[in-house]
Amino acid sequence: MRRRAETVTQGKLRQSRQEAHIERELGHVAVCLIGYTKPVPRRFGDNGSGGRAVQFVTSAKPKASARAHDRGNPYHRVVVLESIWTLSSHHAQALKTKLDGLLLGNRADAKLRHGWREVDDPVVMWGVLLAQAVREIDAEVFDDHGHALRIRRVYERRARGIKGRG
């Protein structure tokens, strides 16, 4: 007999209905760094060098957080470059605001249209800014694995509680 929680789809575990319900109950929200896969021309005729435009977004479903931007841009692919989970939407918004402030600083020319910012290396920038932002606002953050463990822990506690009553 196949257990739904252990069904593998494209290399990752699929959640059971109970785990999906627990995930919604917990209310964890991710702060994601989305950006272009390749450098984007800064102006007409900018062939070659271009800039790396990124944006911070919050989402309960980080894998889909870049989808709207990707569909709205027929020439350049937009993807989720990095993400980190927080306890609630309030915590996620506070972290996003702090990250935006740290990234912009006093450089008015670094801000691009519609909340996009230009950076040299998004991955390095993410690590440095995230560490500083978490330290400054004293936020509790966790990665995808930590998020899945928290859901699994609640699921197992509930399962044990049901078995204990019977």
N, C-alpha and C. Protein backbone atom coordinates (compact mmCIF):
# COMPACT_ATOMS: atom_id res chain seq x y z
N MET A 1 0.83 -1.18 0.00
CA MET A 1 0.00 0.00 0.00
C MET A 1 0.88 1.25 0.00
N ARG A 2 0.54 2.21 -0.78
CA ARG A 2 1.31 3.44 -0.93
C ARG A 2 0.82 4.48 0.06
N ARG A 3 1.76 5.05 0.83
CA ARG A 3 1.42 6.13 1.76
C ARG A 3 1.58 7.45 1.04
N ARG A 4 0.58 8.28 1.14
CA ARG A 4 0.56 9.55 0.42
C ARG A 4 1.74 10.46 0.80
N ALA A 5 2.12 10.49 2.06
CA ALA A 5 3.20 11.38 2.51
C ALA A 5 4.55 10.96 1.94
N GLU A 6 4.67 9.72 1.52
CA GLU A 6 5.95 9.24 1.02
C GLU A 6 6.00 9.15 -0.50
N THR A 7 4.95 9.59 -1.18
CA THR A 7 4.94 9.57 -2.63
C THR A 7 5.94 10.59 -3.15
N VAL A 8 6.82 10.16 -4.04
CA VAL A 8 7.85 11.05 -4.55
C VAL A 8 7.43 11.56 -5.93
N THR A 9 7.50 12.87 -6.10
CA THR A 9 7.19 13.49 -7.37
C THR A 9 8.35 14.39 -7.75
N GLN A 10 9.00 14.13 -8.84
CA GLN A 10 10.12 14.93 -9.35
C GLN A 10 11.19 15.14 -8.28
N GLY A 11 11.53 14.09 -7.55
CA GLY A 11 12.64 14.15 -6.61
C GLY A 11 12.34 14.76 -5.26
N LYS A 12 11.09 15.12 -4.97
CA LYS A 12 10.78 15.69 -3.67
C LYS A 12 9.51 15.04 -3.13
N LEU A 13 9.38 15.04 -1.81
CA LEU A 13 8.22 14.45 -1.19
C LEU A 13 6.99 15.33 -1.38
N ARG A 14 5.88 14.71 -1.68
CA ARG A 14 4.62 15.42 -1.80
C ARG A 14 3.97 15.46 -0.43
N GLN A 15 3.37 16.55 -0.07
CA GLN A 15 2.72 16.66 1.23
C GLN A 15 1.39 15.93 1.24
N SER A 16 1.05 15.39 2.40
CA SER A 16 -0.29 14.83 2.57
C SER A 16 -1.25 16.00 2.79
N ARG A 17 -2.54 15.72 2.75
CA ARG A 17 -3.53 16.78 2.99
C ARG A 17 -3.36 17.35 4.40
N GLN A 18 -3.05 16.47 5.35
CA GLN A 18 -2.88 16.92 6.73
C GLN A 18 -1.68 17.85 6.86
N GLU A 19 -0.58 17.52 6.19
CA GLU A 19 0.61 18.37 6.25
C GLU A 19 0.37 19.71 5.57
N ALA A 20 -0.38 19.71 4.46
CA ALA A 20 -0.71 20.98 3.80
C ALA A 20 -1.58 21.84 4.70
N HIS A 21 -2.49 21.21 5.43
CA HIS A 21 -3.35 21.94 6.37
C HIS A 21 -2.51 22.53 7.51
N ILE A 22 -1.58 21.73 8.03
CA ILE A 22 -0.70 22.20 9.10
C ILE A 22 0.16 23.36 8.61
N GLU A 23 0.64 23.28 7.38
CA GLU A 23 1.45 24.37 6.82
C GLU A 23 0.65 25.66 6.78
N ARG A 24 -0.62 25.59 6.38
CA ARG A 24 -1.47 26.79 6.36
C ARG A 24 -1.72 27.30 7.78
N GLU A 25 -1.91 26.39 8.73
CA GLU A 25 -2.14 26.77 10.13
C GLU A 25 -0.94 27.50 10.73
N LEU A 26 0.26 26.99 10.44
CA LEU A 26 1.48 27.59 11.00
C LEU A 26 1.67 29.02 10.51
N GLY A 27 1.29 29.29 9.27
CA GLY A 27 1.37 30.64 8.74
C GLY A 27 2.76 31.14 8.44
N HIS A 28 3.69 30.23 8.20
CA HIS A 28 5.05 30.65 7.84
C HIS A 28 5.04 31.38 6.50
N VAL A 29 5.83 32.42 6.41
CA VAL A 29 5.94 33.20 5.17
C VAL A 29 7.42 33.35 4.83
N ALA A 30 7.73 33.22 3.56
CA ALA A 30 9.12 33.29 3.11
C ALA A 30 9.44 34.68 2.56
N VAL A 31 10.67 35.08 2.76
CA VAL A 31 11.21 36.27 2.10
C VAL A 31 12.11 35.74 0.99
N CYS A 32 11.81 36.14 -0.23
CA CYS A 32 12.52 35.60 -1.39
C CYS A 32 13.28 36.70 -2.12
N LEU A 33 14.40 36.32 -2.66
CA LEU A 33 15.17 37.19 -3.55
C LEU A 33 14.91 36.68 -4.95
N ILE A 34 14.20 37.48 -5.74
CA ILE A 34 13.94 37.08 -7.13
C ILE A 34 14.79 37.95 -8.03
N GLY A 35 15.12 37.41 -9.18
CA GLY A 35 15.95 38.16 -10.11
C GLY A 35 16.04 37.48 -11.46
N TYR A 36 16.74 38.12 -12.34
CA TYR A 36 16.92 37.62 -13.70
C TYR A 36 18.04 36.58 -13.73
N THR A 37 17.90 35.64 -14.63
CA THR A 37 18.89 34.57 -14.74
C THR A 37 20.20 35.07 -15.35
N LYS A 38 20.11 36.10 -16.18
CA LYS A 38 21.29 36.67 -16.84
C LYS A 38 21.29 38.18 -16.65
N PRO A 39 22.44 38.83 -16.84
CA PRO A 39 22.45 40.30 -16.77
C PRO A 39 21.49 40.92 -17.79
N VAL A 40 20.83 41.99 -17.38
CA VAL A 40 19.83 42.67 -18.20
C VAL A 40 20.40 44.00 -18.68
N PRO A 41 20.21 44.36 -19.97
CA PRO A 41 20.72 45.65 -20.45
C PRO A 41 20.14 46.81 -19.64
N ARG A 42 21.01 47.75 -19.29
CA ARG A 42 20.58 48.92 -18.50
C ARG A 42 19.92 49.97 -19.37
N ARG A 43 20.35 50.07 -20.60
CA ARG A 43 19.81 51.07 -21.51
C ARG A 43 19.90 50.51 -22.93
N PHE A 44 19.26 51.17 -23.84
CA PHE A 44 19.29 50.73 -25.24
C PHE A 44 20.73 50.76 -25.75
N GLY A 45 21.17 49.68 -26.31
CA GLY A 45 22.53 49.59 -26.84
C GLY A 45 23.53 49.03 -25.85
N ASP A 46 23.09 48.68 -24.65
CA ASP A 46 23.98 48.12 -23.63
C ASP A 46 24.13 46.62 -23.90
N ASN A 47 25.01 46.30 -24.79
CA ASN A 47 25.21 44.90 -25.17
C ASN A 47 26.35 44.31 -24.36
N GLY A 48 26.08 43.21 -23.73
CA GLY A 48 27.17 42.53 -23.05
C GLY A 48 27.16 42.66 -21.56
N SER A 49 27.52 43.84 -21.03
CA SER A 49 27.71 43.93 -19.59
C SER A 49 26.38 43.84 -18.84
N GLY A 50 25.48 44.77 -19.02
CA GLY A 50 24.19 44.74 -18.35
C GLY A 50 24.29 44.78 -16.84
N GLY A 51 23.17 44.68 -16.18
CA GLY A 51 23.12 44.69 -14.72
C GLY A 51 22.30 43.53 -14.21
N ARG A 52 22.51 43.19 -12.95
CA ARG A 52 21.77 42.11 -12.30
C ARG A 52 20.69 42.75 -11.44
N ALA A 53 19.46 42.75 -11.90
CA ALA A 53 18.35 43.34 -11.16
C ALA A 53 17.72 42.30 -10.26
N VAL A 54 17.48 42.67 -9.01
CA VAL A 54 16.86 41.77 -8.02
C VAL A 54 15.78 42.52 -7.27
N GLN A 55 14.92 41.76 -6.62
CA GLN A 55 13.85 42.34 -5.81
C GLN A 55 13.55 41.39 -4.67
N PHE A 56 13.22 41.94 -3.50
CA PHE A 56 12.79 41.14 -2.36
C PHE A 56 11.27 41.07 -2.37
N VAL A 57 10.72 39.88 -2.20
CA VAL A 57 9.27 39.69 -2.13
C VAL A 57 8.97 38.74 -0.97
N THR A 58 7.74 38.81 -0.47
CA THR A 58 7.30 37.87 0.56
C THR A 58 6.22 36.99 -0.03
N SER A 59 6.20 35.72 0.38
CA SER A 59 5.24 34.78 -0.18
C SER A 59 5.12 33.55 0.72
N ALA A 60 3.91 33.01 0.80
CA ALA A 60 3.71 31.75 1.51
C ALA A 60 4.12 30.58 0.62
N LYS A 61 4.24 30.84 -0.67
CA LYS A 61 4.67 29.81 -1.63
C LYS A 61 5.86 30.36 -2.41
N PRO A 62 7.06 30.19 -1.87
CA PRO A 62 8.23 30.83 -2.49
C PRO A 62 8.53 30.37 -3.92
N LYS A 63 8.21 29.15 -4.26
CA LYS A 63 8.52 28.67 -5.61
C LYS A 63 7.71 29.41 -6.66
N ALA A 64 6.55 29.94 -6.26
CA ALA A 64 5.70 30.66 -7.20
C ALA A 64 5.85 32.17 -7.10
N SER A 65 6.73 32.66 -6.24
CA SER A 65 6.80 34.10 -6.00
C SER A 65 7.34 34.90 -7.19
N ALA A 66 8.07 34.28 -8.08
CA ALA A 66 8.59 34.99 -9.25
C ALA A 66 7.72 34.79 -10.48
N ARG A 67 6.69 33.99 -10.37
CA ARG A 67 5.89 33.63 -11.54
C ARG A 67 5.26 34.84 -12.23
N ALA A 68 4.66 35.75 -11.47
CA ALA A 68 4.00 36.91 -12.08
C ALA A 68 5.00 37.79 -12.83
N HIS A 69 6.18 37.99 -12.24
CA HIS A 69 7.21 38.80 -12.90
C HIS A 69 7.75 38.09 -14.14
N ASP A 70 7.86 36.77 -14.06
CA ASP A 70 8.38 36.00 -15.19
C ASP A 70 7.39 36.04 -16.36
N ARG A 71 6.12 35.90 -16.07
CA ARG A 71 5.11 35.93 -17.13
C ARG A 71 4.97 37.31 -17.75
N GLY A 72 5.27 38.34 -16.97
CA GLY A 72 5.15 39.70 -17.48
C GLY A 72 6.36 40.15 -18.28
N ASN A 73 7.37 39.32 -18.40
CA ASN A 73 8.58 39.71 -19.12
C ASN A 73 8.88 38.68 -20.21
N PRO A 74 8.60 39.01 -21.45
CA PRO A 74 8.78 38.02 -22.52
C PRO A 74 10.24 37.79 -22.93
N TYR A 75 11.16 38.66 -22.52
CA TYR A 75 12.53 38.57 -23.00
C TYR A 75 13.52 37.97 -22.00
N HIS A 76 13.28 38.17 -20.73
CA HIS A 76 14.22 37.73 -19.70
C HIS A 76 13.49 36.86 -18.68
N ARG A 77 14.11 35.77 -18.30
CA ARG A 77 13.52 34.85 -17.33
C ARG A 77 13.79 35.34 -15.90
N VAL A 78 12.71 35.38 -15.08
CA VAL A 78 12.80 35.78 -13.68
C VAL A 78 12.60 34.53 -12.83
N VAL A 79 13.51 34.30 -11.88
CA VAL A 79 13.46 33.11 -11.02
C VAL A 79 13.68 33.50 -9.56
N VAL A 80 13.37 32.57 -8.67
CA VAL A 80 13.69 32.74 -7.25
C VAL A 80 15.15 32.36 -7.09
N LEU A 81 15.97 33.31 -6.68
CA LEU A 81 17.40 33.06 -6.50
C LEU A 81 17.69 32.48 -5.12
N GLU A 82 17.04 33.01 -4.08
CA GLU A 82 17.24 32.56 -2.70
C GLU A 82 15.94 32.79 -1.94
N SER A 83 15.75 32.05 -0.84
CA SER A 83 14.60 32.28 0.02
C SER A 83 14.91 31.84 1.44
N ILE A 84 14.18 32.43 2.38
CA ILE A 84 14.32 32.08 3.80
C ILE A 84 12.94 32.22 4.43
N TRP A 85 12.60 31.32 5.35
CA TRP A 85 11.29 31.30 5.99
C TRP A 85 11.29 32.10 7.28
N THR A 86 10.15 32.72 7.59
CA THR A 86 9.94 33.41 8.86
C THR A 86 8.66 32.87 9.50
N LEU A 87 8.40 33.28 10.74
CA LEU A 87 7.26 32.74 11.48
C LEU A 87 5.90 33.25 11.02
N SER A 88 5.85 34.49 10.49
CA SER A 88 4.55 35.06 10.10
C SER A 88 4.76 36.13 9.03
N SER A 89 3.64 36.63 8.52
CA SER A 89 3.73 37.68 7.51
C SER A 89 4.30 38.97 8.11
N HIS A 90 4.01 39.21 9.38
CA HIS A 90 4.56 40.40 10.06
C HIS A 90 6.09 40.32 10.11
N HIS A 91 6.61 39.16 10.52
CA HIS A 91 8.06 38.97 10.57
C HIS A 91 8.68 39.06 9.17
N ALA A 92 8.00 38.49 8.19
CA ALA A 92 8.52 38.52 6.82
C ALA A 92 8.58 39.96 6.29
N GLN A 93 7.53 40.73 6.57
CA GLN A 93 7.51 42.12 6.10
C GLN A 93 8.60 42.94 6.77
N ALA A 94 8.82 42.71 8.07
CA ALA A 94 9.88 43.43 8.79
C ALA A 94 11.25 43.08 8.22
N LEU A 95 11.47 41.80 7.93
CA LEU A 95 12.76 41.38 7.35
C LEU A 95 12.94 41.95 5.96
N LYS A 96 11.88 41.93 5.15
CA LYS A 96 11.95 42.48 3.79
C LYS A 96 12.26 43.98 3.83
N THR A 97 11.62 44.70 4.72
CA THR A 97 11.86 46.14 4.85
C THR A 97 13.31 46.41 5.24
N LYS A 98 13.82 45.62 6.18
CA LYS A 98 15.21 45.79 6.62
C LYS A 98 16.18 45.46 5.48
N LEU A 99 15.92 44.39 4.74
CA LEU A 99 16.78 44.02 3.61
C LEU A 99 16.77 45.11 2.54
N ASP A 100 15.59 45.66 2.25
CA ASP A 100 15.50 46.76 1.28
C ASP A 100 16.33 47.95 1.74
N GLY A 101 16.22 48.30 3.01
CA GLY A 101 16.98 49.43 3.55
C GLY A 101 18.48 49.20 3.49
N LEU A 102 18.90 47.99 3.82
CA LEU A 102 20.34 47.68 3.77
C LEU A 102 20.87 47.68 2.34
N LEU A 103 20.07 47.21 1.42
CA LEU A 103 20.51 47.15 0.02
C LEU A 103 20.59 48.53 -0.60
N LEU A 104 19.59 49.36 -0.36
CA LEU A 104 19.57 50.69 -0.98
C LEU A 104 20.57 51.63 -0.35
N GLY A 105 20.63 51.65 0.97
CA GLY A 105 21.53 52.59 1.63
C GLY A 105 21.20 54.01 1.20
N ASN A 106 22.23 54.78 0.82
CA ASN A 106 22.04 56.17 0.40
C ASN A 106 22.17 56.35 -1.10
N ARG A 107 22.33 55.25 -1.83
CA ARG A 107 22.51 55.35 -3.28
C ARG A 107 21.17 55.45 -3.99
N ALA A 108 20.80 56.63 -4.40
CA ALA A 108 19.52 56.82 -5.10
C ALA A 108 19.59 56.25 -6.51
N ASP A 109 20.77 56.17 -7.11
CA ASP A 109 20.88 55.67 -8.47
C ASP A 109 20.80 54.14 -8.54
N ALA A 110 20.84 53.46 -7.40
CA ALA A 110 20.78 52.00 -7.39
C ALA A 110 19.35 51.48 -7.55
N LYS A 111 18.37 52.33 -7.32
CA LYS A 111 16.98 51.91 -7.40
C LYS A 111 16.51 51.91 -8.85
N LEU A 112 15.96 50.78 -9.25
CA LEU A 112 15.41 50.66 -10.58
C LEU A 112 13.89 50.76 -10.50
N ARG A 113 13.24 50.71 -11.63
CA ARG A 113 11.78 50.84 -11.67
C ARG A 113 11.08 49.68 -10.96
N HIS A 114 9.95 49.97 -10.36
CA HIS A 114 9.06 48.97 -9.77
C HIS A 114 9.72 48.13 -8.69
N GLY A 115 10.61 48.71 -7.89
CA GLY A 115 11.19 48.00 -6.77
C GLY A 115 12.39 47.13 -7.10
N TRP A 116 12.83 47.13 -8.33
CA TRP A 116 14.01 46.34 -8.69
C TRP A 116 15.26 47.11 -8.34
N ARG A 117 16.28 46.39 -7.85
CA ARG A 117 17.56 47.01 -7.50
C ARG A 117 18.67 46.32 -8.27
N GLU A 118 19.69 47.05 -8.56
CA GLU A 118 20.83 46.48 -9.30
C GLU A 118 21.93 46.09 -8.32
N VAL A 119 22.44 44.86 -8.47
CA VAL A 119 23.52 44.38 -7.61
C VAL A 119 24.59 43.71 -8.48
N ASP A 120 25.79 43.55 -7.90
CA ASP A 120 26.87 42.91 -8.64
C ASP A 120 26.74 41.39 -8.63
N ASP A 121 26.60 40.81 -7.44
CA ASP A 121 26.48 39.37 -7.31
C ASP A 121 25.35 39.06 -6.32
N PRO A 122 24.17 38.63 -6.82
CA PRO A 122 23.02 38.43 -5.95
C PRO A 122 23.23 37.42 -4.83
N VAL A 123 23.95 36.35 -5.08
CA VAL A 123 24.12 35.30 -4.08
C VAL A 123 24.98 35.79 -2.91
N VAL A 124 26.08 36.46 -3.22
CA VAL A 124 26.94 37.00 -2.17
C VAL A 124 26.20 38.08 -1.40
N MET A 125 25.51 38.96 -2.12
CA MET A 125 24.77 40.05 -1.50
C MET A 125 23.71 39.50 -0.55
N TRP A 126 23.00 38.43 -0.95
CA TRP A 126 21.95 37.83 -0.13
C TRP A 126 22.51 37.36 1.22
N GLY A 127 23.61 36.63 1.18
CA GLY A 127 24.20 36.11 2.41
C GLY A 127 24.62 37.20 3.37
N VAL A 128 25.27 38.21 2.85
CA VAL A 128 25.77 39.30 3.69
C VAL A 128 24.61 40.11 4.28
N LEU A 129 23.67 40.52 3.43
CA LEU A 129 22.56 41.34 3.90
C LEU A 129 21.64 40.57 4.84
N LEU A 130 21.40 39.29 4.54
CA LEU A 130 20.52 38.50 5.38
C LEU A 130 21.09 38.35 6.80
N ALA A 131 22.37 38.05 6.87
CA ALA A 131 23.01 37.90 8.19
C ALA A 131 22.90 39.20 8.99
N GLN A 132 23.14 40.33 8.35
CA GLN A 132 23.08 41.61 9.05
C GLN A 132 21.64 41.95 9.45
N ALA A 133 20.69 41.73 8.56
CA ALA A 133 19.29 42.05 8.84
C ALA A 133 18.74 41.20 9.98
N VAL A 134 19.04 39.92 9.97
CA VAL A 134 18.57 39.02 11.03
C VAL A 134 19.16 39.43 12.37
N ARG A 135 20.43 39.80 12.37
CA ARG A 135 21.09 40.23 13.61
C ARG A 135 20.47 41.54 14.12
N GLU A 136 20.18 42.47 13.23
CA GLU A 136 19.67 43.79 13.65
C GLU A 136 18.23 43.74 14.15
N ILE A 137 17.38 42.94 13.52
CA ILE A 137 15.97 42.90 13.96
C ILE A 137 15.68 41.70 14.85
N ASP A 138 16.69 40.88 15.10
CA ASP A 138 16.57 39.71 15.97
C ASP A 138 15.42 38.81 15.52
N ALA A 139 15.45 38.43 14.24
CA ALA A 139 14.39 37.61 13.65
C ALA A 139 14.75 36.13 13.71
N GLU A 140 13.73 35.30 13.83
CA GLU A 140 13.93 33.86 13.74
C GLU A 140 13.65 33.44 12.31
N VAL A 141 14.66 32.89 11.66
CA VAL A 141 14.52 32.46 10.28
C VAL A 141 14.98 31.01 10.15
N PHE A 142 14.49 30.34 9.12
CA PHE A 142 14.87 28.95 8.89
C PHE A 142 14.75 28.66 7.40
N ASP A 143 15.51 27.67 6.93
CA ASP A 143 15.53 27.33 5.51
C ASP A 143 14.39 26.36 5.18
N ASP A 144 14.36 25.86 3.94
CA ASP A 144 13.31 24.95 3.50
C ASP A 144 13.28 23.67 4.33
N HIS A 145 14.45 23.17 4.67
CA HIS A 145 14.52 21.96 5.47
C HIS A 145 13.94 22.19 6.86
N GLY A 146 14.27 23.31 7.47
CA GLY A 146 13.72 23.66 8.78
C GLY A 146 12.21 23.84 8.73
N HIS A 147 11.73 24.41 7.64
CA HIS A 147 10.28 24.59 7.45
C HIS A 147 9.59 23.23 7.39
N ALA A 148 10.14 22.32 6.60
CA ALA A 148 9.56 20.98 6.48
C ALA A 148 9.62 20.23 7.81
N LEU A 149 10.70 20.40 8.56
CA LEU A 149 10.82 19.73 9.86
C LEU A 149 9.77 20.23 10.85
N ARG A 150 9.50 21.52 10.83
CA ARG A 150 8.49 22.07 11.73
C ARG A 150 7.11 21.52 11.41
N ILE A 151 6.80 21.42 10.13
CA ILE A 151 5.51 20.84 9.73
C ILE A 151 5.43 19.38 10.15
N ARG A 152 6.51 18.65 9.91
CA ARG A 152 6.55 17.22 10.24
C ARG A 152 6.42 17.00 11.75
N ARG A 153 7.06 17.85 12.55
CA ARG A 153 6.98 17.74 14.00
C ARG A 153 5.54 17.88 14.50
N VAL A 154 4.83 18.88 13.97
CA VAL A 154 3.43 19.08 14.37
C VAL A 154 2.59 17.89 13.92
N TYR A 155 2.83 17.41 12.71
CA TYR A 155 2.09 16.26 12.17
C TYR A 155 2.29 15.02 13.05
N GLU A 156 3.53 14.76 13.44
CA GLU A 156 3.82 13.58 14.26
C GLU A 156 3.23 13.72 15.67
N ARG A 157 3.27 14.92 16.24
CA ARG A 157 2.65 15.15 17.56
C ARG A 157 1.16 14.87 17.51
N ARG A 158 0.51 15.33 16.46
CA ARG A 158 -0.93 15.10 16.32
C ARG A 158 -1.23 13.62 16.09
N ALA A 159 -0.40 12.96 15.31
CA ALA A 159 -0.59 11.53 15.05
C ALA A 159 -0.44 10.72 16.34
N ARG A 160 0.55 11.06 17.15
CA ARG A 160 0.74 10.38 18.44
C ARG A 160 -0.42 10.63 19.37
N GLY A 161 -0.96 11.81 19.35
CA GLY A 161 -2.11 12.15 20.20
C GLY A 161 -3.33 11.35 19.83
N ILE A 162 -3.54 11.13 18.56
CA ILE A 162 -4.69 10.35 18.09
C ILE A 162 -4.51 8.88 18.48
N LYS A 163 -3.29 8.35 18.29
CA LYS A 163 -3.02 6.95 18.62
C LYS A 163 -3.15 6.72 20.13
N GLY A 164 -2.74 7.68 20.93
CA GLY A 164 -2.78 7.54 22.38
C GLY A 164 -4.20 7.46 22.93
N ARG A 165 -5.14 8.10 22.27
CA ARG A 165 -6.53 8.10 22.74
C ARG A 165 -7.23 6.79 22.43
N GLY A 166 -6.84 6.14 21.35
CA GLY A 166 -7.56 4.96 20.86
C GLY A 166 -7.30 3.78 21.66
